Amino acid sequence: MSIANLWDQLVDCICRPPRDIYGPDELIGGVQGAFSVGRFRARREDLELTNTRGAKLQCSHFVPEGVVGADGRLPCVVYLHCNSGSRRDAEEALCVLIPLGVSVFTLDFEGSGLSDGKYVTLGAREVDDLECAVEHLRGTNKVSTLGLWGRSMGAVTALLYGQRNPCIAGMVLDSPFSKLTDLMLEIVADQKLPIPKPLMKMALGAMRRSVRKRAGFDFSQVSPIDHVPCSFIPALFGHAKSDSFVRINHSELLHAAYAGDKNFIKFEGDHNSRRSDFFYNSVACFFHNTLQLDRMLVGGNPLDKELRRLFSRGEQRSSSPNPASASAAQMQGSHVRRSSSSSNLTDVQSPTSARTSTGSMHGLQQQQQSRPPRPPGLPISPTDPHKPPTPTSPFSASQQHQQQHQHQYQQQQQQKLQPAQDASITCTPRATVITTPGMPSRQLIGGGPPPPSASALPHRPASVPPSSALSKQGGADARATADAGSSTSSAAAAAA
C-alpha cells in the first residue's frame, strides 16, 4: 500500500468511517415498533429533528409501557453512538434501562446512519446534534430527569455537552479519548510509517489541514481534557484494559481531571468487545440514583427490590466490588471478572440480517470487527426474602458545585429542574430477552448463577459476543448481533 493511500485512509478514519445503512424493519421492534425486554414491554417512536445546520436527524424514542411518572413524566437517557455506529447501537442501553422504567432516546448523528450529512466530526459538531435532541425532549414535557450514555465518540460528545448544560443528571462515559490530536499521534505511530519522530507533528499538521479541507472542522479543537475541569455532572467512566485504539490512559487522564463526582470501572476486553457484567450492573445502579427513580416513578423503580436483594447476595459471594462503595475506585481494576456462566453463551435463534458496514479506527489492521455487543439485562425475582439497608452514596463531594451551576443554568433557561444524586447499589444480572410478540426469541445469559433452564440451551463459543433476543413484528427475521468488517477501509474507521 502506498503512503498516499494510507494517508487517505487515515483521513477517512477521522471524518468518513464506514456508515451503518439499514432499513426501518431492522430497528428494534421492526416496522411496528413494539418489543419487550424480558417481561417489560416497550414501544419505539420514530421522529425527525433538524439541527442548526439544517441537516435532518433520524431519531427513536423507546418508551417502557405500564410505567407512570410521579408528575406524568418519565426519566430518560440519551444514548450516543460511536463514529461508525447508528441509533441501532442503543440496544445495550435498552437491555439495562427499560427494566428500570427509564425511556431511551437515540439518534443518528449528522453524517451517520440515515441522517443527512457526509462527514462525522468526532464530537465537534455532534455536540450540537445532542443539544438539538435535549431541547426537543425538554419541549415535549414528557421527560423528567435526563441522563447521557455515550460510547467512544458518543462519550466525547457527552463530555463536551456536559459543560454546556449542568442540569444533566448523570453521564456514563465508555472509552472516551482525552484529546484528538494525541489520539491521532498514537494512531500514526502504530502504523510505523517511514516518518522520523521529529517530523511526526508536521505530518499531523498536514493531516489536520486535509481533514479541515474535506470535512470543515479542526480536529485539534476536539479536546475533552480541556473541558472536564469545569464539569460537575456525576460521571461513571468505563474503559477496556486491552483497548489498543483508545488506550486506557485517555480515560485515566479524564477521570483524574474531572471536577464532578466520578467513578471509574476497568474491565477486560478491547475497544469493540462486550462490556463486563459488572460494568452494566454499575450503569444500572448509577442511573437508578442519578435519575432519582424512587422519586420520579410511581411506586419507584420496578426492579428496586431485585437490585437490593442481589446487592446483598452479590457482596457476600462476589469478588466484584460495589461500584458505589468507598473502596471501589481502588479495587475496580483487579476485581472485575466474568462468572463461569458467561463462557456458555446461548443463541437459540440464528440471525439473518447484518449491518452493511462496520469499521474500526482500531488501527489500520485488517481484522474482524463487531458492533457493540448487547449486554445482559436485569434478572426478575418473584420474591424478596432479604431486604438489606440502603447503602450510602459516595457521590457527594462536588454536589454543591453542581447545584450552583444548575441554578445558574435554570435562571438562564427559565427551567425548573432538580439536581441529581448518584449511585449506591450494585447487582449481578442473569438473563435478558428482547422479543416482539408472535416471534421466537433468543436468550442472553449474563453473569451470576444461570437460570434453571440455561443448561438445556445450546451453547456458543465464549469468543462469540452474546446477543439479546431481537425479533420484529410482522414476521421479519431477527437482526444479526455482529458483522465483520472485511475490507481495509472498514478496518480503518474506529468505534470512536
Protein backbone atom coordinates (compact mmCIF):
# COMPACT_ATOMS: atom_id res chain seq x y z
CA MET A 1 0.00 0.00 0.00
CA SER A 2 1.38 3.39 -0.96
CA ILE A 3 1.83 6.19 1.54
CA ALA A 4 -0.76 8.25 -0.37
CA ASN A 5 -3.40 5.55 0.01
CA LEU A 6 -2.56 5.06 3.66
CA TRP A 7 -2.79 8.81 4.17
CA ASP A 8 -6.28 8.88 2.65
CA GLN A 9 -7.34 6.05 4.93
CA LEU A 10 -6.07 7.90 7.98
CA VAL A 11 -8.09 10.95 6.97
CA ASP A 12 -11.15 8.79 6.29
CA CYS A 13 -10.89 7.11 9.67
CA ILE A 14 -11.37 10.55 11.23
CA CYS A 15 -14.18 12.05 9.19
CA ARG A 16 -15.63 9.32 6.96
CA PRO A 17 -15.71 5.88 8.60
CA PRO A 18 -17.95 3.13 7.15
CA ARG A 19 -21.57 4.17 7.50
CA ASP A 20 -24.27 1.96 9.02
CA ILE A 21 -27.09 1.90 6.46
CA TYR A 22 -30.23 -0.01 7.49
CA GLY A 23 -33.93 -0.30 6.78
CA PRO A 24 -36.83 0.58 9.09
CA ASP A 25 -37.53 -3.12 9.67
CA GLU A 26 -34.04 -3.52 11.11
CA LEU A 27 -34.72 -1.24 14.07
CA ILE A 28 -35.72 -2.82 17.36
CA GLY A 29 -39.39 -3.71 17.19
CA GLY A 30 -39.44 -3.76 13.40
CA VAL A 31 -41.86 -1.60 11.45
CA GLN A 32 -44.49 -1.63 14.20
CA GLY A 33 -42.05 -0.64 16.93
CA ALA A 34 -43.39 -3.00 19.63
CA PHE A 35 -40.94 -5.13 21.63
CA SER A 36 -40.21 -6.38 25.12
CA VAL A 37 -37.15 -6.77 27.32
CA GLY A 38 -37.83 -9.82 29.45
CA ARG A 39 -41.25 -9.21 30.98
CA PHE A 40 -41.09 -5.46 30.36
CA ARG A 41 -42.91 -4.22 27.27
CA ALA A 42 -41.90 -1.10 25.38
CA ARG A 43 -42.60 0.74 22.15
CA ARG A 44 -40.47 2.68 19.70
CA GLU A 45 -41.47 6.11 18.45
CA ASP A 46 -39.53 7.38 15.42
CA LEU A 47 -39.14 11.07 14.68
CA GLU A 48 -37.07 13.52 12.68
CA LEU A 49 -35.28 16.59 14.03
CA THR A 50 -33.45 19.38 12.22
CA ASN A 51 -30.19 20.67 13.66
CA THR A 52 -28.82 24.21 13.49
CA ARG A 53 -27.11 23.48 10.15
CA GLY A 54 -30.37 22.37 8.55
CA ALA A 55 -29.48 18.67 8.50
CA LYS A 56 -32.28 16.22 9.25
CA LEU A 57 -31.55 13.80 12.09
CA GLN A 58 -33.31 10.43 12.33
CA CYS A 59 -34.22 9.64 15.94
CA SER A 60 -36.01 7.00 18.01
CA HIS A 61 -37.54 7.23 21.46
CA PHE A 62 -38.03 3.91 23.29
CA VAL A 63 -40.69 4.21 25.98
CA PRO A 64 -41.49 1.49 28.55
CA GLU A 65 -45.17 0.62 28.86
CA GLY A 66 -47.04 0.41 32.14
CA VAL A 67 -44.67 2.83 33.88
CA VAL A 68 -46.11 6.03 35.32
CA GLY A 69 -44.03 9.05 36.22
CA ALA A 70 -44.70 10.78 39.53
CA ASP A 71 -45.50 14.01 37.69
CA GLY A 72 -46.65 12.39 34.45
CA ARG A 73 -43.12 12.44 33.02
CA LEU A 74 -40.54 9.65 32.75
CA PRO A 75 -36.77 9.73 33.30
CA CYS A 76 -34.83 9.45 30.06
CA VAL A 77 -31.31 8.56 28.94
CA VAL A 78 -29.95 9.76 25.59
CA TYR A 79 -27.69 7.11 24.04
CA LEU A 80 -24.86 8.42 21.84
CA HIS A 81 -23.30 6.03 19.33
CA CYS A 82 -19.70 5.63 18.15
CA ASN A 83 -18.29 7.11 14.94
CA SER A 84 -19.22 4.19 12.66
CA GLY A 85 -22.42 3.37 14.54
CA SER A 86 -26.04 4.45 14.50
CA ARG A 87 -29.12 4.53 16.71
CA ARG A 88 -29.29 0.75 16.37
CA ASP A 89 -26.41 0.52 18.82
CA ALA A 90 -28.71 1.65 21.64
CA GLU A 91 -29.68 -1.98 22.23
CA GLU A 92 -27.17 -2.25 25.07
CA ALA A 93 -28.87 0.69 26.77
CA LEU A 94 -32.34 -0.80 26.26
CA CYS A 95 -31.37 -4.06 27.97
CA VAL A 96 -30.26 -2.14 31.05
CA LEU A 97 -32.72 0.77 31.21
CA ILE A 98 -36.13 -0.44 30.01
CA PRO A 99 -36.48 -2.81 33.02
CA LEU A 100 -35.73 0.17 35.27
CA GLY A 101 -38.67 2.12 33.85
CA VAL A 102 -36.39 4.58 32.02
CA SER A 103 -37.05 5.68 28.45
CA VAL A 104 -34.16 5.73 25.96
CA PHE A 105 -33.73 8.36 23.25
CA THR A 106 -31.19 7.82 20.49
CA LEU A 107 -30.32 9.49 17.22
CA ASP A 108 -28.18 9.10 14.13
CA PHE A 109 -25.66 11.93 14.31
CA GLU A 110 -25.22 14.06 11.20
CA GLY A 111 -23.13 12.01 8.78
CA SER A 112 -24.15 8.73 10.43
CA GLY A 113 -26.88 6.17 9.80
CA LEU A 114 -29.89 7.56 7.93
CA SER A 115 -29.37 11.20 8.92
CA ASP A 116 -28.26 13.89 6.47
CA GLY A 117 -24.62 14.82 6.11
CA LYS A 118 -21.49 13.24 4.70
CA TYR A 119 -18.89 13.53 7.47
CA VAL A 120 -18.59 12.86 11.18
CA THR A 121 -16.51 15.16 13.36
CA LEU A 122 -15.77 13.00 16.44
CA GLY A 123 -17.66 15.34 18.76
CA ALA A 124 -17.00 18.77 17.25
CA ARG A 125 -20.44 19.10 15.62
CA GLU A 126 -22.13 16.09 17.24
CA VAL A 127 -22.47 18.16 20.40
CA ASP A 128 -24.86 20.47 18.50
CA ASP A 129 -26.93 17.45 17.45
CA LEU A 130 -27.14 16.38 21.08
CA GLU A 131 -28.27 19.84 22.10
CA CYS A 132 -31.00 19.66 19.46
CA ALA A 133 -32.20 16.34 20.91
CA VAL A 134 -32.17 17.62 24.50
CA GLU A 135 -34.13 20.74 23.56
CA HIS A 136 -36.70 18.54 21.84
CA LEU A 137 -37.07 16.29 24.89
CA ARG A 138 -37.45 19.26 27.22
CA GLY A 139 -40.02 20.79 24.89
CA THR A 140 -42.25 17.71 24.92
CA ASN A 141 -42.71 18.00 28.71
CA LYS A 142 -42.66 14.18 28.83
CA VAL A 143 -39.19 13.83 30.34
CA SER A 144 -38.22 14.46 33.96
CA THR A 145 -34.58 13.73 34.85
CA LEU A 146 -32.23 13.32 31.91
CA GLY A 147 -29.01 11.31 31.58
CA LEU A 148 -26.43 10.62 28.87
CA TRP A 149 -24.73 7.36 27.86
CA GLY A 150 -22.03 7.62 25.22
CA ARG A 151 -19.62 5.16 23.70
CA SER A 152 -16.28 6.34 22.25
CA MET A 153 -17.22 9.33 20.03
CA GLY A 154 -20.54 9.45 21.87
CA ALA A 155 -18.76 9.64 25.22
CA VAL A 156 -16.65 12.56 23.97
CA THR A 157 -19.83 14.28 22.78
CA ALA A 158 -21.36 13.85 26.23
CA LEU A 159 -18.28 15.34 27.89
CA LEU A 160 -18.28 18.36 25.60
CA TYR A 161 -22.01 18.91 26.15
CA GLY A 162 -21.83 18.41 29.91
CA GLN A 163 -20.12 21.74 30.38
CA ARG A 164 -22.89 23.47 28.41
CA ASN A 165 -25.78 22.01 30.37
CA PRO A 166 -25.10 21.21 34.05
CA CYS A 167 -28.72 20.11 34.51
CA ILE A 168 -27.93 16.67 33.08
CA ALA A 169 -28.45 14.19 35.92
CA GLY A 170 -25.55 11.87 35.13
CA MET A 171 -23.27 10.62 32.36
CA VAL A 172 -21.92 7.16 31.51
CA LEU A 173 -18.71 7.57 29.52
CA ASP A 174 -17.48 4.44 27.75
CA SER A 175 -13.98 4.69 26.22
CA PRO A 176 -13.65 8.44 25.56
CA PHE A 177 -10.41 9.92 24.26
CA SER A 178 -8.82 12.83 26.11
CA LYS A 179 -7.53 14.80 23.13
CA LEU A 180 -7.97 14.02 19.44
CA THR A 181 -4.50 15.22 18.44
CA ASP A 182 -2.93 12.85 20.98
CA LEU A 183 -5.08 10.01 19.67
CA MET A 184 -4.03 10.71 16.09
CA LEU A 185 -0.35 10.76 17.07
CA GLU A 186 -0.81 7.33 18.64
CA ILE A 187 -2.57 6.00 15.53
CA VAL A 188 0.11 7.33 13.19
CA ALA A 189 2.84 5.88 15.41
CA ASP A 190 1.12 2.48 15.40
CA GLN A 191 1.22 2.40 11.59
CA LYS A 192 5.04 2.57 11.66
CA LEU A 193 5.16 4.97 8.76
CA PRO A 194 8.61 5.90 7.44
CA ILE A 195 8.37 9.29 9.13
CA PRO A 196 11.05 10.35 11.63
CA LYS A 197 9.67 11.23 15.04
CA PRO A 198 10.74 14.88 14.81
CA LEU A 199 8.60 15.18 11.67
CA MET A 200 5.59 13.41 13.17
CA LYS A 201 3.98 16.62 14.39
CA MET A 202 4.50 18.18 10.98
CA ALA A 203 2.72 15.21 9.43
CA LEU A 204 -0.09 15.65 11.95
CA GLY A 205 -0.40 19.29 10.92
CA ALA A 206 -0.72 18.24 7.30
CA MET A 207 -3.41 15.73 8.27
CA ARG A 208 -5.20 18.44 10.22
CA ARG A 209 -5.30 20.61 7.08
CA SER A 210 -6.55 17.67 5.00
CA VAL A 211 -9.40 16.98 7.43
CA ARG A 212 -10.33 20.66 7.62
CA LYS A 213 -10.42 20.91 3.83
CA ARG A 214 -12.53 17.78 3.44
CA ALA A 215 -14.90 17.91 6.45
CA GLY A 216 -14.72 21.55 7.51
CA PHE A 217 -13.60 21.16 11.12
CA ASP A 218 -10.35 21.45 13.04
CA PHE A 219 -9.73 18.23 14.98
CA SER A 220 -7.19 19.97 17.21
CA GLN A 221 -10.14 21.70 18.89
CA VAL A 222 -11.73 18.39 19.95
CA SER A 223 -10.15 18.24 23.38
CA PRO A 224 -12.37 16.95 26.22
CA ILE A 225 -9.47 17.19 28.67
CA ASP A 226 -9.80 20.98 28.48
CA HIS A 227 -13.48 20.83 29.48
CA VAL A 228 -13.61 18.32 32.33
CA PRO A 229 -12.09 20.62 35.00
CA CYS A 230 -15.28 22.70 34.70
CA SER A 231 -17.76 19.79 34.61
CA PHE A 232 -19.66 18.86 37.78
CA ILE A 233 -22.21 16.34 36.49
CA PRO A 234 -21.88 12.91 38.20
CA ALA A 235 -19.96 10.67 35.81
CA LEU A 236 -19.23 6.95 35.52
CA PHE A 237 -16.17 6.24 33.36
CA GLY A 238 -15.56 2.82 31.82
CA HIS A 239 -12.69 1.52 29.71
CA ALA A 240 -11.38 -1.84 28.49
CA LYS A 241 -7.91 -2.72 29.76
CA SER A 242 -6.72 -4.07 26.39
CA ASP A 243 -8.13 -1.27 24.24
CA SER A 244 -5.43 -0.80 21.59
CA PHE A 245 -7.15 2.07 19.81
CA VAL A 246 -8.29 4.49 22.51
CA ARG A 247 -5.86 3.41 25.18
CA ILE A 248 -7.00 3.32 28.77
CA ASN A 249 -4.71 6.18 29.75
CA HIS A 250 -7.14 8.55 27.98
CA SER A 251 -9.91 7.72 30.45
CA GLU A 252 -7.45 7.79 33.33
CA LEU A 253 -6.47 11.36 32.43
CA LEU A 254 -10.08 12.44 32.04
CA HIS A 255 -11.13 10.80 35.30
CA ALA A 256 -8.26 12.42 37.20
CA ALA A 257 -9.07 15.89 35.86
CA TYR A 258 -12.86 15.61 36.15
CA ALA A 259 -14.22 18.08 38.70
CA GLY A 260 -17.54 16.42 39.49
CA ASP A 261 -18.47 13.27 41.39
CA LYS A 262 -16.97 10.36 39.49
CA ASN A 263 -16.16 6.69 39.40
CA PHE A 264 -14.01 4.61 37.06
CA ILE A 265 -14.51 0.95 36.12
CA LYS A 266 -11.88 -1.00 34.20
CA PHE A 267 -12.92 -4.25 32.55
CA GLU A 268 -11.44 -6.94 30.35
CA GLY A 269 -11.64 -6.67 26.57
CA ASP A 270 -10.79 -4.26 23.78
CA HIS A 271 -12.41 -1.25 22.13
CA ASN A 272 -15.28 -3.15 20.49
CA SER A 273 -15.67 -6.09 22.84
CA ARG A 274 -18.64 -6.93 25.01
CA ARG A 275 -18.58 -4.96 28.26
CA SER A 276 -18.34 -6.82 31.55
CA ASP A 277 -21.42 -7.69 33.56
CA PHE A 278 -20.05 -5.62 36.40
CA PHE A 279 -19.92 -2.54 34.18
CA TYR A 280 -23.56 -2.95 33.10
CA ASN A 281 -24.56 -3.59 36.72
CA SER A 282 -22.85 -0.38 37.70
CA VAL A 283 -24.59 1.56 34.93
CA ALA A 284 -27.97 0.34 36.16
CA CYS A 285 -27.19 1.38 39.71
CA PHE A 286 -25.71 4.69 38.60
CA PHE A 287 -28.84 5.71 36.70
CA HIS A 288 -31.09 4.29 39.43
CA ASN A 289 -29.73 7.01 41.70
CA THR A 290 -28.79 9.89 39.41
CA LEU A 291 -32.20 9.81 37.72
CA GLN A 292 -33.84 9.55 41.16
CA LEU A 293 -36.10 6.67 40.11
CA ASP A 294 -37.51 6.28 43.62
CA ARG A 295 -38.96 9.79 43.34
CA MET A 296 -39.64 10.06 39.62
CA LEU A 297 -41.66 6.85 39.16
CA VAL A 298 -44.95 5.96 40.82
CA GLY A 299 -44.07 3.02 43.05
CA GLY A 300 -40.36 3.58 42.48
CA ASN A 301 -38.00 1.56 40.31
CA PRO A 302 -39.74 -1.67 39.12
CA LEU A 303 -36.57 -3.63 39.90
CA ASP A 304 -35.70 -1.90 43.15
CA LYS A 305 -36.24 -5.00 45.30
CA GLU A 306 -34.32 -7.24 42.92
CA LEU A 307 -31.44 -4.77 42.79
CA ARG A 308 -31.17 -4.55 46.56
CA ARG A 309 -31.53 -8.30 47.08
CA LEU A 310 -28.83 -9.03 44.53
CA PHE A 311 -26.62 -6.35 46.04
CA SER A 312 -26.82 -8.11 49.39
CA ARG A 313 -26.16 -11.57 47.94
CA GLY A 314 -23.53 -10.41 45.46
CA GLU A 315 -21.42 -8.65 48.08
CA GLN A 316 -21.23 -11.88 50.08
CA ARG A 317 -20.10 -14.17 47.26
CA SER A 318 -18.57 -11.99 44.55
CA SER A 319 -15.10 -10.54 44.28
CA SER A 320 -16.50 -7.65 42.23
CA PRO A 321 -16.69 -4.55 44.44
CA ASN A 322 -19.77 -2.43 44.88
CA PRO A 323 -19.23 0.42 42.38
CA ALA A 324 -20.69 2.82 44.92
CA SER A 325 -18.51 1.77 47.81
CA ALA A 326 -15.66 3.85 49.13
CA SER A 327 -13.11 1.23 48.13
CA ALA A 328 -14.48 0.62 44.66
CA ALA A 329 -12.11 3.00 42.94
CA GLN A 330 -9.14 1.15 44.43
CA MET A 331 -10.48 -2.33 43.70
CA GLN A 332 -12.14 -1.87 40.34
CA GLY A 333 -9.12 -2.70 38.17
CA SER A 334 -8.31 -6.11 39.66
CA HIS A 335 -11.71 -7.41 40.73
CA VAL A 336 -13.74 -7.40 37.54
CA ARG A 337 -14.16 -10.99 36.46
CA ARG A 338 -16.72 -12.86 34.41
CA SER A 339 -18.62 -15.68 36.02
CA SER A 340 -18.39 -19.22 34.72
CA SER A 341 -21.81 -18.90 33.12
CA SER A 342 -20.53 -16.12 30.87
CA SER A 343 -18.41 -18.62 28.98
CA ASN A 344 -21.52 -20.53 27.98
CA LEU A 345 -23.41 -18.17 25.72
CA THR A 346 -26.70 -19.11 24.17
CA ASP A 347 -28.23 -18.25 20.83
CA VAL A 348 -31.50 -20.05 20.23
CA GLN A 349 -32.34 -18.25 17.00
CA SER A 350 -29.79 -17.62 14.27
CA PRO A 351 -29.62 -14.06 12.98
CA THR A 352 -30.27 -13.42 9.30
CA SER A 353 -29.63 -9.73 8.68
CA ALA A 354 -26.44 -7.79 9.07
CA ARG A 355 -25.38 -4.19 9.11
CA THR A 356 -23.97 -3.07 5.81
CA SER A 357 -20.61 -1.94 7.07
CA THR A 358 -18.69 -1.80 10.26
CA GLY A 359 -15.47 -0.02 10.80
CA SER A 360 -12.85 0.33 13.39
CA MET A 361 -10.29 3.01 13.84
CA HIS A 362 -8.70 0.23 15.88
CA GLY A 363 -5.55 0.86 13.83
CA LEU A 364 -5.50 0.16 10.11
CA GLN A 365 -5.16 -3.59 10.53
CA GLN A 366 -7.42 -5.88 8.57
CA GLN A 367 -9.28 -7.79 11.23
CA GLN A 368 -12.81 -8.76 12.13
CA GLN A 369 -14.79 -6.07 13.92
CA SER A 370 -18.19 -6.26 15.55
CA ARG A 371 -20.84 -3.82 16.64
CA PRO A 372 -21.02 -3.03 20.35
CA PRO A 373 -22.44 -6.29 21.75
CA ARG A 374 -25.68 -6.29 23.64
CA PRO A 375 -25.39 -6.69 27.40
CA PRO A 376 -27.30 -8.87 29.80
CA GLY A 377 -30.25 -7.21 31.43
CA LEU A 378 -31.51 -7.44 34.96
CA PRO A 379 -32.97 -10.64 36.45
CA ILE A 380 -36.56 -10.90 37.55
CA SER A 381 -37.04 -12.27 41.03
CA PRO A 382 -40.57 -13.15 42.29
CA THR A 383 -39.71 -12.80 45.94
CA ASP A 384 -37.63 -10.60 48.18
CA PRO A 385 -36.74 -12.64 51.28
CA HIS A 386 -33.97 -10.29 52.35
CA LYS A 387 -34.02 -6.52 52.12
CA PRO A 388 -30.68 -5.03 53.18
CA PRO A 389 -30.34 -1.44 54.31
CA THR A 390 -29.74 1.10 51.59
CA PRO A 391 -26.02 1.74 51.11
CA THR A 392 -24.85 5.31 51.28
CA SER A 393 -23.90 7.19 48.14
CA PRO A 394 -20.27 8.15 47.52
CA PHE A 395 -21.22 10.91 45.13
CA SER A 396 -21.39 13.97 47.34
CA ALA A 397 -18.03 15.73 47.20
CA SER A 398 -18.95 18.21 44.50
CA GLN A 399 -22.72 18.16 44.64
CA GLN A 400 -22.75 21.73 45.93
CA HIS A 401 -20.80 22.87 42.86
CA GLN A 402 -23.21 21.03 40.58
CA GLN A 403 -26.23 22.61 42.25
CA GLN A 404 -24.71 26.06 41.87
CA HIS A 405 -24.16 25.50 38.16
CA GLN A 406 -27.66 24.12 37.79
CA HIS A 407 -29.14 27.15 39.50
CA GLN A 408 -27.34 29.48 37.10
CA TYR A 409 -28.47 27.46 34.11
CA GLN A 410 -32.06 27.36 35.36
CA GLN A 411 -32.15 31.13 35.62
CA GLN A 412 -30.86 31.49 32.09
CA GLN A 413 -33.21 28.93 30.57
CA GLN A 414 -36.13 29.61 32.94
CA GLN A 415 -36.46 25.91 33.64
CA LYS A 416 -37.40 24.25 36.87
CA LEU A 417 -35.18 21.22 37.15
CA GLN A 418 -33.86 19.36 40.16
CA PRO A 419 -30.24 18.41 40.93
CA ALA A 420 -29.14 14.82 40.72
CA GLN A 421 -27.65 12.39 43.19
CA ASP A 422 -25.55 9.34 42.40
CA ALA A 423 -25.02 5.64 42.63
CA SER A 424 -25.28 3.49 45.71
CA ILE A 425 -26.13 -0.13 44.87
CA THR A 426 -24.96 -2.96 42.64
CA CYS A 427 -26.34 -6.24 41.34
CA THR A 428 -25.48 -9.29 39.24
CA PRO A 429 -27.56 -9.90 36.09
CA ARG A 430 -28.58 -13.30 34.76
CA ALA A 431 -30.54 -13.12 31.54
CA THR A 432 -32.32 -10.78 29.18
CA VAL A 433 -34.63 -11.43 26.26
CA ILE A 434 -35.73 -8.85 23.70
CA THR A 435 -38.72 -10.08 21.74
CA THR A 436 -41.57 -8.94 19.56
CA PRO A 437 -44.99 -10.61 20.07
CA GLY A 438 -45.61 -13.62 17.86
CA MET A 439 -41.96 -14.37 17.12
CA PRO A 440 -39.44 -16.76 18.71
CA SER A 441 -36.77 -15.18 20.83
CA ARG A 442 -33.17 -15.69 21.88
CA GLN A 443 -31.96 -15.56 25.42
CA LEU A 444 -28.81 -13.88 26.61
CA ILE A 445 -27.11 -15.34 29.64
CA GLY A 446 -25.15 -12.86 31.73
CA GLY A 447 -23.17 -13.04 34.95
CA GLY A 448 -24.17 -14.67 38.22
CA PRO A 449 -25.81 -18.08 38.55
CA PRO A 450 -27.59 -19.15 35.35
CA PRO A 451 -31.36 -19.60 35.36
CA PRO A 452 -32.64 -23.18 35.77
CA SER A 453 -33.26 -23.61 32.05
CA ALA A 454 -29.83 -22.39 30.96
CA SER A 455 -28.31 -25.88 30.94
CA ALA A 456 -30.88 -27.02 28.39
CA LEU A 457 -30.00 -24.28 25.91
CA PRO A 458 -27.37 -24.78 23.19
CA HIS A 459 -24.08 -23.06 23.98
CA ARG A 460 -21.93 -20.88 21.77
CA PRO A 461 -18.14 -20.47 21.96
CA ALA A 462 -17.02 -17.97 24.55
CA SER A 463 -15.32 -15.90 21.85
CA VAL A 464 -18.67 -15.07 20.24
CA PRO A 465 -20.27 -11.99 21.83
CA PRO A 466 -23.67 -12.71 23.37
CA SER A 467 -26.81 -11.33 21.79
CA SER A 468 -30.11 -10.40 23.32
CA ALA A 469 -33.18 -11.75 21.61
CA LEU A 470 -34.40 -9.41 18.95
CA SER A 471 -37.30 -10.14 16.64
CA LYS A 472 -39.52 -7.98 14.56
CA GLN A 473 -43.29 -7.58 14.34
CA GLY A 474 -44.91 -8.75 11.14
CA GLY A 475 -42.76 -11.85 10.63
CA ALA A 476 -39.39 -10.25 9.88
CA ASP A 477 -36.35 -12.21 10.99
CA ALA A 478 -34.09 -11.20 13.84
CA ARG A 479 -31.23 -8.88 13.07
CA ALA A 480 -27.63 -10.01 13.35
CA THR A 481 -25.81 -9.23 16.53
CA ALA A 482 -22.46 -8.64 14.87
CA ASP A 483 -20.84 -8.42 11.46
CA ALA A 484 -17.30 -8.42 10.34
CA GLY A 485 -15.56 -5.56 8.60
CA SER A 486 -13.56 -7.34 5.93
CA SER A 487 -12.11 -4.53 3.84
CA THR A 488 -9.18 -2.35 4.72
CA SER A 489 -11.36 0.75 4.60
CA SER A 490 -13.79 -0.83 7.04
CA ALA A 491 -10.98 -1.69 9.40
CA ALA A 492 -9.69 1.86 9.15
CA ALA A 493 -12.57 3.51 10.96
CA ALA A 494 -12.92 3.05 14.66
CA ALA A 495 -15.81 2.94 17.02
CA ALA A 496 -14.61 6.24 18.41
